[in-house]
Amino acid sequence: MSQVTNSWQLKAACRGPQAEIFFPPAHAERKEEKLQREERAKSICKVCSVRAECLEYALRIREPHGIWGGLNEMERRQHAERKVG
């Protein structure tokens, strides 16, 4: 979320140095490490005042990476399929 294009992004709890946990690292991570990283990110999302806007944005642009609105890539895909189906 480096480029702020929507005002809700300015209020996002993920802004700042902890933002890196919302995306996979450049190196390979073990499944257990991924789950722990995603849980830490999701715990920040739980208290975020713009969580709904974030999720809507990620779904609209079909963001393929990271935790957005408290959901990972697979969870967003499933959410989008439920909305369509």
PDB file of N, CA and C in Angstrom:
ATOM      1  N   MET A   1       0.832  -1.185   0.000  1.00  0.00           N
ATOM      2  CA  MET A   1       0.000   0.000   0.000  1.00  0.00           C
ATOM      3  C   MET A   1       0.876   1.248   0.000  1.00  0.00           C
ATOM      4  N   SER A   2       1.871   1.268  -0.821  1.00  0.00           N
ATOM      5  CA  SER A   2       2.795   2.383  -0.814  1.00  0.00           C
ATOM      6  C   SER A   2       2.191   3.646  -1.418  1.00  0.00           C
ATOM      7  N   GLN A   3       1.369   3.517  -2.422  1.00  0.00           N
ATOM      8  CA  GLN A   3       0.777   4.691  -3.063  1.00  0.00           C
ATOM      9  C   GLN A   3      -0.626   4.907  -2.507  1.00  0.00           C
ATOM     10  N   VAL A   4      -0.832   6.030  -1.867  1.00  0.00           N
ATOM     11  CA  VAL A   4      -2.124   6.328  -1.268  1.00  0.00           C
ATOM     12  C   VAL A   4      -3.003   6.989  -2.314  1.00  0.00           C
ATOM     13  N   THR A   5      -4.033   6.277  -2.756  1.00  0.00           N
ATOM     14  CA  THR A   5      -4.925   6.799  -3.774  1.00  0.00           C
ATOM     15  C   THR A   5      -6.331   7.007  -3.236  1.00  0.00           C
ATOM     16  N   ASN A   6      -6.608   6.481  -2.087  1.00  0.00           N
ATOM     17  CA  ASN A   6      -7.925   6.623  -1.475  1.00  0.00           C
ATOM     18  C   ASN A   6      -7.741   7.154  -0.054  1.00  0.00           C
ATOM     19  N   SER A   7      -8.596   8.059   0.369  1.00  0.00           N
ATOM     20  CA  SER A   7      -8.436   8.681   1.681  1.00  0.00           C
ATOM     21  C   SER A   7      -8.509   7.665   2.822  1.00  0.00           C
ATOM     22  N   TRP A   8      -9.236   6.574   2.645  1.00  0.00           N
ATOM     23  CA  TRP A   8      -9.308   5.567   3.708  1.00  0.00           C
ATOM     24  C   TRP A   8      -7.931   4.992   4.012  1.00  0.00           C
ATOM     25  N   GLN A   9      -7.044   4.953   3.018  1.00  0.00           N
ATOM     26  CA  GLN A   9      -5.710   4.376   3.225  1.00  0.00           C
ATOM     27  C   GLN A   9      -4.906   5.170   4.250  1.00  0.00           C
ATOM     28  N   LEU A  10      -5.179   6.457   4.369  1.00  0.00           N
ATOM     29  CA  LEU A  10      -4.484   7.277   5.355  1.00  0.00           C
ATOM     30  C   LEU A  10      -4.841   6.868   6.780  1.00  0.00           C
ATOM     31  N   LYS A  11      -6.000   6.248   6.960  1.00  0.00           N
ATOM     32  CA  LYS A  11      -6.480   5.830   8.284  1.00  0.00           C
ATOM     33  C   LYS A  11      -6.191   4.369   8.588  1.00  0.00           C
ATOM     34  N   ALA A  12      -5.589   3.658   7.652  1.00  0.00           N
ATOM     35  CA  ALA A  12      -5.366   2.220   7.797  1.00  0.00           C
ATOM     36  C   ALA A  12      -4.396   1.899   8.927  1.00  0.00           C
ATOM     37  N   ALA A  13      -4.757   0.926   9.743  1.00  0.00           N
ATOM     38  CA  ALA A  13      -3.917   0.507  10.867  1.00  0.00           C
ATOM     39  C   ALA A  13      -2.623  -0.157  10.406  1.00  0.00           C
ATOM     40  N   CYS A  14      -2.586  -0.593   9.163  1.00  0.00           N
ATOM     41  CA  CYS A  14      -1.400  -1.293   8.643  1.00  0.00           C
ATOM     42  C   CYS A  14      -0.307  -0.348   8.181  1.00  0.00           C
ATOM     43  N   ARG A  15      -0.580   0.934   8.140  1.00  0.00           N
ATOM     44  CA  ARG A  15       0.439   1.892   7.690  1.00  0.00           C
ATOM     45  C   ARG A  15       1.588   1.933   8.684  1.00  0.00           C
ATOM     46  N   GLY A  16       2.775   2.066   8.174  1.00  0.00           N
ATOM     47  CA  GLY A  16       3.936   2.170   9.052  1.00  0.00           C
ATOM     48  C   GLY A  16       4.849   0.971   8.928  1.00  0.00           C
ATOM     49  N   PRO A  17       5.770   0.842   9.883  1.00  0.00           N
ATOM     50  CA  PRO A  17       6.800  -0.193   9.776  1.00  0.00           C
ATOM     51  C   PRO A  17       6.273  -1.627   9.791  1.00  0.00           C
ATOM     52  N   GLN A  18       5.114  -1.866  10.372  1.00  0.00           N
ATOM     53  CA  GLN A  18       4.565  -3.228  10.417  1.00  0.00           C
ATOM     54  C   GLN A  18       3.921  -3.645   9.095  1.00  0.00           C
ATOM     55  N   ALA A  19       3.872  -2.766   8.116  1.00  0.00           N
ATOM     56  CA  ALA A  19       3.219  -3.066   6.833  1.00  0.00           C
ATOM     57  C   ALA A  19       3.802  -4.290   6.145  1.00  0.00           C
ATOM     58  N   GLU A  20       5.063  -4.581   6.378  1.00  0.00           N
ATOM     59  CA  GLU A  20       5.702  -5.712   5.696  1.00  0.00           C
ATOM     60  C   GLU A  20       5.067  -7.057   6.044  1.00  0.00           C
ATOM     61  N   ILE A  21       4.444  -7.185   7.201  1.00  0.00           N
ATOM     62  CA  ILE A  21       3.844  -8.483   7.552  1.00  0.00           C
ATOM     63  C   ILE A  21       2.581  -8.779   6.746  1.00  0.00           C
ATOM     64  N   PHE A  22       2.071  -7.803   6.038  1.00  0.00           N
ATOM     65  CA  PHE A  22       0.858  -8.000   5.241  1.00  0.00           C
ATOM     66  C   PHE A  22       1.134  -8.648   3.891  1.00  0.00           C
ATOM     67  N   PHE A  23       2.410  -8.777   3.549  1.00  0.00           N
ATOM     68  CA  PHE A  23       2.791  -9.351   2.259  1.00  0.00           C
ATOM     69  C   PHE A  23       3.869 -10.405   2.447  1.00  0.00           C
ATOM     70  N   PRO A  24       3.903 -11.400   1.564  1.00  0.00           N
ATOM     71  CA  PRO A  24       4.933 -12.434   1.689  1.00  0.00           C
ATOM     72  C   PRO A  24       6.330 -11.844   1.508  1.00  0.00           C
ATOM     73  N   PRO A  25       7.307 -12.402   2.210  1.00  0.00           N
ATOM     74  CA  PRO A  25       8.676 -11.914   2.051  1.00  0.00           C
ATOM     75  C   PRO A  25       9.251 -12.315   0.695  1.00  0.00           C
ATOM     76  N   ALA A  26      10.352 -11.715   0.332  1.00  0.00           N
ATOM     77  CA  ALA A  26      11.003 -12.020  -0.944  1.00  0.00           C
ATOM     78  C   ALA A  26      11.558 -13.445  -0.960  1.00  0.00           C
ATOM     79  N   HIS A  27      11.902 -13.953   0.209  1.00  0.00           N
ATOM     80  CA  HIS A  27      12.406 -15.330   0.308  1.00  0.00           C
ATOM     81  C   HIS A  27      11.254 -16.290   0.588  1.00  0.00           C
ATOM     82  N   ALA A  28      11.491 -17.550   0.349  1.00  0.00           N
ATOM     83  CA  ALA A  28      10.456 -18.564   0.611  1.00  0.00           C
ATOM     84  C   ALA A  28      10.194 -18.649   2.114  1.00  0.00           C
ATOM     85  N   GLU A  29       8.927 -18.803   2.469  1.00  0.00           N
ATOM     86  CA  GLU A  29       8.601 -18.977   3.880  1.00  0.00           C
ATOM     87  C   GLU A  29       7.879 -20.307   4.067  1.00  0.00           C
ATOM     88  N   ARG A  30       8.159 -20.935   5.189  1.00  0.00           N
ATOM     89  CA  ARG A  30       7.489 -22.197   5.493  1.00  0.00           C
ATOM     90  C   ARG A  30       6.024 -21.921   5.799  1.00  0.00           C
ATOM     91  N   LYS A  31       5.204 -22.946   5.638  1.00  0.00           N
ATOM     92  CA  LYS A  31       3.764 -22.802   5.860  1.00  0.00           C
ATOM     93  C   LYS A  31       3.477 -22.259   7.252  1.00  0.00           C
ATOM     94  N   GLU A  32       4.168 -22.777   8.238  1.00  0.00           N
ATOM     95  CA  GLU A  32       3.969 -22.344   9.622  1.00  0.00           C
ATOM     96  C   GLU A  32       4.339 -20.862   9.792  1.00  0.00           C
ATOM     97  N   GLU A  33       5.407 -20.409   9.141  1.00  0.00           N
ATOM     98  CA  GLU A  33       5.798 -18.996   9.192  1.00  0.00           C
ATOM     99  C   GLU A  33       4.750 -18.118   8.514  1.00  0.00           C
ATOM    100  N   LYS A  34       4.227 -18.591   7.386  1.00  0.00           N
ATOM    101  CA  LYS A  34       3.197 -17.846   6.662  1.00  0.00           C
ATOM    102  C   LYS A  34       1.952 -17.685   7.526  1.00  0.00           C
ATOM    103  N   LEU A  35       1.522 -18.761   8.162  1.00  0.00           N
ATOM    104  CA  LEU A  35       0.333 -18.714   9.008  1.00  0.00           C
ATOM    105  C   LEU A  35       0.520 -17.739  10.167  1.00  0.00           C
ATOM    106  N   GLN A  36       1.702 -17.752  10.778  1.00  0.00           N
ATOM    107  CA  GLN A  36       1.977 -16.832  11.887  1.00  0.00           C
ATOM    108  C   GLN A  36       1.991 -15.383  11.412  1.00  0.00           C
ATOM    109  N   ARG A  37       2.627 -15.128  10.270  1.00  0.00           N
ATOM    110  CA  ARG A  37       2.681 -13.773   9.717  1.00  0.00           C
ATOM    111  C   ARG A  37       1.272 -13.284   9.400  1.00  0.00           C
ATOM    112  N   GLU A  38       0.477 -14.154   8.762  1.00  0.00           N
ATOM    113  CA  GLU A  38      -0.892 -13.758   8.399  1.00  0.00           C
ATOM    114  C   GLU A  38      -1.740 -13.510   9.639  1.00  0.00           C
ATOM    115  N   GLU A  39      -1.570 -14.300  10.686  1.00  0.00           N
ATOM    116  CA  GLU A  39      -2.342 -14.080  11.920  1.00  0.00           C
ATOM    117  C   GLU A  39      -1.987 -12.742  12.550  1.00  0.00           C
ATOM    118  N   ARG A  40      -0.700 -12.385  12.536  1.00  0.00           N
ATOM    119  CA  ARG A  40      -0.291 -11.078  13.077  1.00  0.00           C
ATOM    120  C   ARG A  40      -0.936  -9.960  12.266  1.00  0.00           C
ATOM    121  N   ALA A  41      -0.912 -10.088  10.947  1.00  0.00           N
ATOM    122  CA  ALA A  41      -1.518  -9.066  10.088  1.00  0.00           C
ATOM    123  C   ALA A  41      -3.028  -8.983  10.333  1.00  0.00           C
ATOM    124  N   LYS A  42      -3.675 -10.120  10.394  1.00  0.00           N
ATOM    125  CA  LYS A  42      -5.126 -10.139  10.596  1.00  0.00           C
ATOM    126  C   LYS A  42      -5.517  -9.557  11.950  1.00  0.00           C
ATOM    127  N   SER A  43      -4.647  -9.712  12.959  1.00  0.00           N
ATOM    128  CA  SER A  43      -4.960  -9.134  14.271  1.00  0.00           C
ATOM    129  C   SER A  43      -4.949  -7.609  14.198  1.00  0.00           C
ATOM    130  N   ILE A  44      -4.115  -7.044  13.331  1.00  0.00           N
ATOM    131  CA  ILE A  44      -4.119  -5.589  13.119  1.00  0.00           C
ATOM    132  C   ILE A  44      -5.389  -5.193  12.373  1.00  0.00           C
ATOM    133  N   CYS A  45      -5.778  -5.985  11.381  1.00  0.00           N
ATOM    134  CA  CYS A  45      -7.001  -5.702  10.627  1.00  0.00           C
ATOM    135  C   CYS A  45      -8.237  -5.687  11.533  1.00  0.00           C
ATOM    136  N   LYS A  46      -8.266  -6.566  12.520  1.00  0.00           N
ATOM    137  CA  LYS A  46      -9.442  -6.674  13.402  1.00  0.00           C
ATOM    138  C   LYS A  46      -9.763  -5.364  14.097  1.00  0.00           C
ATOM    139  N   VAL A  47      -8.757  -4.545  14.373  1.00  0.00           N
ATOM    140  CA  VAL A  47      -8.993  -3.290  15.083  1.00  0.00           C
ATOM    141  C   VAL A  47      -8.959  -2.074  14.158  1.00  0.00           C
ATOM    142  N   CYS A  48      -8.867  -2.312  12.861  1.00  0.00           N
ATOM    143  CA  CYS A  48      -8.757  -1.223  11.898  1.00  0.00           C
ATOM    144  C   CYS A  48     -10.126  -0.609  11.587  1.00  0.00           C
ATOM    145  N   SER A  49     -10.186   0.712  11.610  1.00  0.00           N
ATOM    146  CA  SER A  49     -11.455   1.409  11.371  1.00  0.00           C
ATOM    147  C   SER A  49     -11.860   1.429   9.896  1.00  0.00           C
ATOM    148  N   VAL A  50     -10.948   1.079   8.992  1.00  0.00           N
ATOM    149  CA  VAL A  50     -11.265   1.110   7.560  1.00  0.00           C
ATOM    150  C   VAL A  50     -11.161  -0.283   6.925  1.00  0.00           C
ATOM    151  N   ARG A  51     -11.367  -1.299   7.729  1.00  0.00           N
ATOM    152  CA  ARG A  51     -11.255  -2.676   7.253  1.00  0.00           C
ATOM    153  C   ARG A  51     -12.193  -2.960   6.079  1.00  0.00           C
ATOM    154  N   ALA A  52     -13.431  -2.527   6.172  1.00  0.00           N
ATOM    155  CA  ALA A  52     -14.411  -2.789   5.111  1.00  0.00           C
ATOM    156  C   ALA A  52     -13.994  -2.112   3.799  1.00  0.00           C
ATOM    157  N   GLU A  53     -13.535  -0.868   3.879  1.00  0.00           N
ATOM    158  CA  GLU A  53     -13.096  -0.152   2.686  1.00  0.00           C
ATOM    159  C   GLU A  53     -11.889  -0.837   2.053  1.00  0.00           C
ATOM    160  N   CYS A  54     -10.985  -1.313   2.883  1.00  0.00           N
ATOM    161  CA  CYS A  54      -9.787  -2.003   2.420  1.00  0.00           C
ATOM    162  C   CYS A  54     -10.159  -3.282   1.667  1.00  0.00           C
ATOM    163  N   LEU A  55     -11.050  -4.073   2.252  1.00  0.00           N
ATOM    164  CA  LEU A  55     -11.474  -5.310   1.607  1.00  0.00           C
ATOM    165  C   LEU A  55     -12.180  -5.016   0.289  1.00  0.00           C
ATOM    166  N   GLU A  56     -13.058  -4.041   0.277  1.00  0.00           N
ATOM    167  CA  GLU A  56     -13.779  -3.681  -0.938  1.00  0.00           C
ATOM    168  C   GLU A  56     -12.807  -3.261  -2.040  1.00  0.00           C
ATOM    169  N   TYR A  57     -11.807  -2.484  -1.667  1.00  0.00           N
ATOM    170  CA  TYR A  57     -10.790  -2.040  -2.622  1.00  0.00           C
ATOM    171  C   TYR A  57     -10.033  -3.234  -3.197  1.00  0.00           C
ATOM    172  N   ALA A  58      -9.575  -4.131  -2.333  1.00  0.00           N
ATOM    173  CA  ALA A  58      -8.812  -5.304  -2.787  1.00  0.00           C
ATOM    174  C   ALA A  58      -9.650  -6.182  -3.706  1.00  0.00           C
ATOM    175  N   LEU A  59     -10.923  -6.325  -3.397  1.00  0.00           N
ATOM    176  CA  LEU A  59     -11.807  -7.120  -4.255  1.00  0.00           C
ATOM    177  C   LEU A  59     -12.023  -6.423  -5.595  1.00  0.00           C
ATOM    178  N   ARG A  60     -12.197  -5.103  -5.559  1.00  0.00           N
ATOM    179  CA  ARG A  60     -12.454  -4.347  -6.779  1.00  0.00           C
ATOM    180  C   ARG A  60     -11.270  -4.399  -7.741  1.00  0.00           C
ATOM    181  N   ILE A  61     -10.052  -4.273  -7.210  1.00  0.00           N
ATOM    182  CA  ILE A  61      -8.885  -4.277  -8.085  1.00  0.00           C
ATOM    183  C   ILE A  61      -8.312  -5.687  -8.282  1.00  0.00           C
ATOM    184  N   ARG A  62      -8.959  -6.652  -7.654  1.00  0.00           N
ATOM    185  CA  ARG A  62      -8.506  -8.057  -7.717  1.00  0.00           C
ATOM    186  C   ARG A  62      -7.050  -8.194  -7.289  1.00  0.00           C
ATOM    187  N   GLU A  63      -6.755  -7.618  -6.134  1.00  0.00           N
ATOM    188  CA  GLU A  63      -5.396  -7.658  -5.581  1.00  0.00           C
ATOM    189  C   GLU A  63      -4.969  -9.112  -5.367  1.00  0.00           C
ATOM    190  N   PRO A  64      -3.876  -9.533  -6.025  1.00  0.00           N
ATOM    191  CA  PRO A  64      -3.473 -10.937  -5.945  1.00  0.00           C
ATOM    192  C   PRO A  64      -2.573 -11.289  -4.764  1.00  0.00           C
ATOM    193  N   HIS A  65      -2.110 -10.306  -4.000  1.00  0.00           N
ATOM    194  CA  HIS A  65      -1.132 -10.587  -2.946  1.00  0.00           C
ATOM    195  C   HIS A  65      -1.509  -9.930  -1.632  1.00  0.00           C
ATOM    196  N   GLY A  66      -1.106 -10.557  -0.554  1.00  0.00           N
ATOM    197  CA  GLY A  66      -1.171  -9.944   0.764  1.00  0.00           C
ATOM    198  C   GLY A  66      -2.495 -10.065   1.485  1.00  0.00           C
ATOM    199  N   ILE A  67      -2.485  -9.506   2.687  1.00  0.00           N
ATOM    200  CA  ILE A  67      -3.667  -9.458   3.548  1.00  0.00           C
ATOM    201  C   ILE A  67      -4.307  -8.091   3.337  1.00  0.00           C
ATOM    202  N   TRP A  68      -5.562  -8.098   2.952  1.00  0.00           N
ATOM    203  CA  TRP A  68      -6.332  -6.860   2.744  1.00  0.00           C
ATOM    204  C   TRP A  68      -7.690  -7.060   3.398  1.00  0.00           C
ATOM    205  N   GLY A  69      -8.104  -6.120   4.229  1.00  0.00           N
ATOM    206  CA  GLY A  69      -9.403  -6.223   4.873  1.00  0.00           C
ATOM    207  C   GLY A  69      -9.534  -7.456   5.750  1.00  0.00           C
ATOM    208  N   GLY A  70      -8.428  -7.967   6.220  1.00  0.00           N
ATOM    209  CA  GLY A  70      -8.449  -9.129   7.104  1.00  0.00           C
ATOM    210  C   GLY A  70      -8.490 -10.467   6.393  1.00  0.00           C
ATOM    211  N   LEU A  71      -8.388 -10.464   5.064  1.00  0.00           N
ATOM    212  CA  LEU A  71      -8.436 -11.718   4.304  1.00  0.00           C
ATOM    213  C   LEU A  71      -7.180 -11.892   3.464  1.00  0.00           C
ATOM    214  N   ASN A  72      -6.724 -13.147   3.358  1.00  0.00           N
ATOM    215  CA  ASN A  72      -5.590 -13.426   2.479  1.00  0.00           C
ATOM    216  C   ASN A  72      -6.092 -13.661   1.062  1.00  0.00           C
ATOM    217  N   GLU A  73      -5.189 -13.998   0.165  1.00  0.00           N
ATOM    218  CA  GLU A  73      -5.536 -14.143  -1.251  1.00  0.00           C
ATOM    219  C   GLU A  73      -6.655 -15.163  -1.472  1.00  0.00           C
ATOM    220  N   MET A  74      -6.509 -16.339  -0.881  1.00  0.00           N
ATOM    221  CA  MET A  74      -7.499 -17.401  -1.069  1.00  0.00           C
ATOM    222  C   MET A  74      -8.848 -17.023  -0.453  1.00  0.00           C
ATOM    223  N   GLU A  75      -8.805 -16.420   0.722  1.00  0.00           N
ATOM    224  CA  GLU A  75     -10.044 -16.007   1.384  1.00  0.00           C
ATOM    225  C   GLU A  75     -10.778 -14.941   0.579  1.00  0.00           C
ATOM    226  N   ARG A  76     -10.032 -14.016  -0.031  1.00  0.00           N
ATOM    227  CA  ARG A  76     -10.671 -12.993  -0.875  1.00  0.00           C
ATOM    228  C   ARG A  76     -11.301 -13.624  -2.102  1.00  0.00           C
ATOM    229  N   ARG A  77     -10.616 -14.578  -2.689  1.00  0.00           N
ATOM    230  CA  ARG A  77     -11.154 -15.267  -3.865  1.00  0.00           C
ATOM    231  C   ARG A  77     -12.457 -15.978  -3.506  1.00  0.00           C
ATOM    232  N   GLN A  78     -12.466 -16.662  -2.369  1.00  0.00           N
ATOM    233  CA  GLN A  78     -13.678 -17.353  -1.918  1.00  0.00           C
ATOM    234  C   GLN A  78     -14.793 -16.362  -1.623  1.00  0.00           C
ATOM    235  N   HIS A  79     -14.446 -15.250  -1.011  1.00  0.00           N
ATOM    236  CA  HIS A  79     -15.431 -14.210  -0.701  1.00  0.00           C
ATOM    237  C   HIS A  79     -16.055 -13.671  -1.987  1.00  0.00           C
ATOM    238  N   ALA A  80     -15.226 -13.403  -2.977  1.00  0.00           N
ATOM    239  CA  ALA A  80     -15.708 -12.877  -4.266  1.00  0.00           C
ATOM    240  C   ALA A  80     -16.612 -13.906  -4.949  1.00  0.00           C
ATOM    241  N   GLU A  81     -16.258 -15.171  -4.888  1.00  0.00           N
ATOM    242  CA  GLU A  81     -17.073 -16.216  -5.504  1.00  0.00           C
ATOM    243  C   GLU A  81     -18.434 -16.332  -4.833  1.00  0.00           C
ATOM    244  N   ARG A  82     -18.467 -16.189  -3.517  1.00  0.00           N
ATOM    245  CA  ARG A  82     -19.743 -16.239  -2.773  1.00  0.00           C
ATOM    246  C   ARG A  82     -20.637 -15.069  -3.154  1.00  0.00           C
ATOM    247  N   LYS A  83     -20.030 -13.881  -3.343  1.00  0.00           N
ATOM    248  CA  LYS A  83     -20.806 -12.692  -3.713  1.00  0.00           C
ATOM    249  C   LYS A  83     -21.419 -12.854  -5.105  1.00  0.00           C
ATOM    250  N   VAL A  84     -20.677 -13.487  -6.025  1.00  0.00           N
ATOM    251  CA  VAL A  84     -21.142 -13.674  -7.398  1.00  0.00           C
ATOM    252  C   VAL A  84     -22.163 -14.798  -7.452  1.00  0.00           C
ATOM    253  N   GLY A  85     -21.830 -15.894  -6.786  1.00  0.00           N
ATOM    254  CA  GLY A  85     -22.668 -17.098  -6.833  1.00  0.00           C
ATOM    255  C   GLY A  85     -23.819 -17.004  -5.945  1.00  0.00           C
TER     256      GLY A  85
END
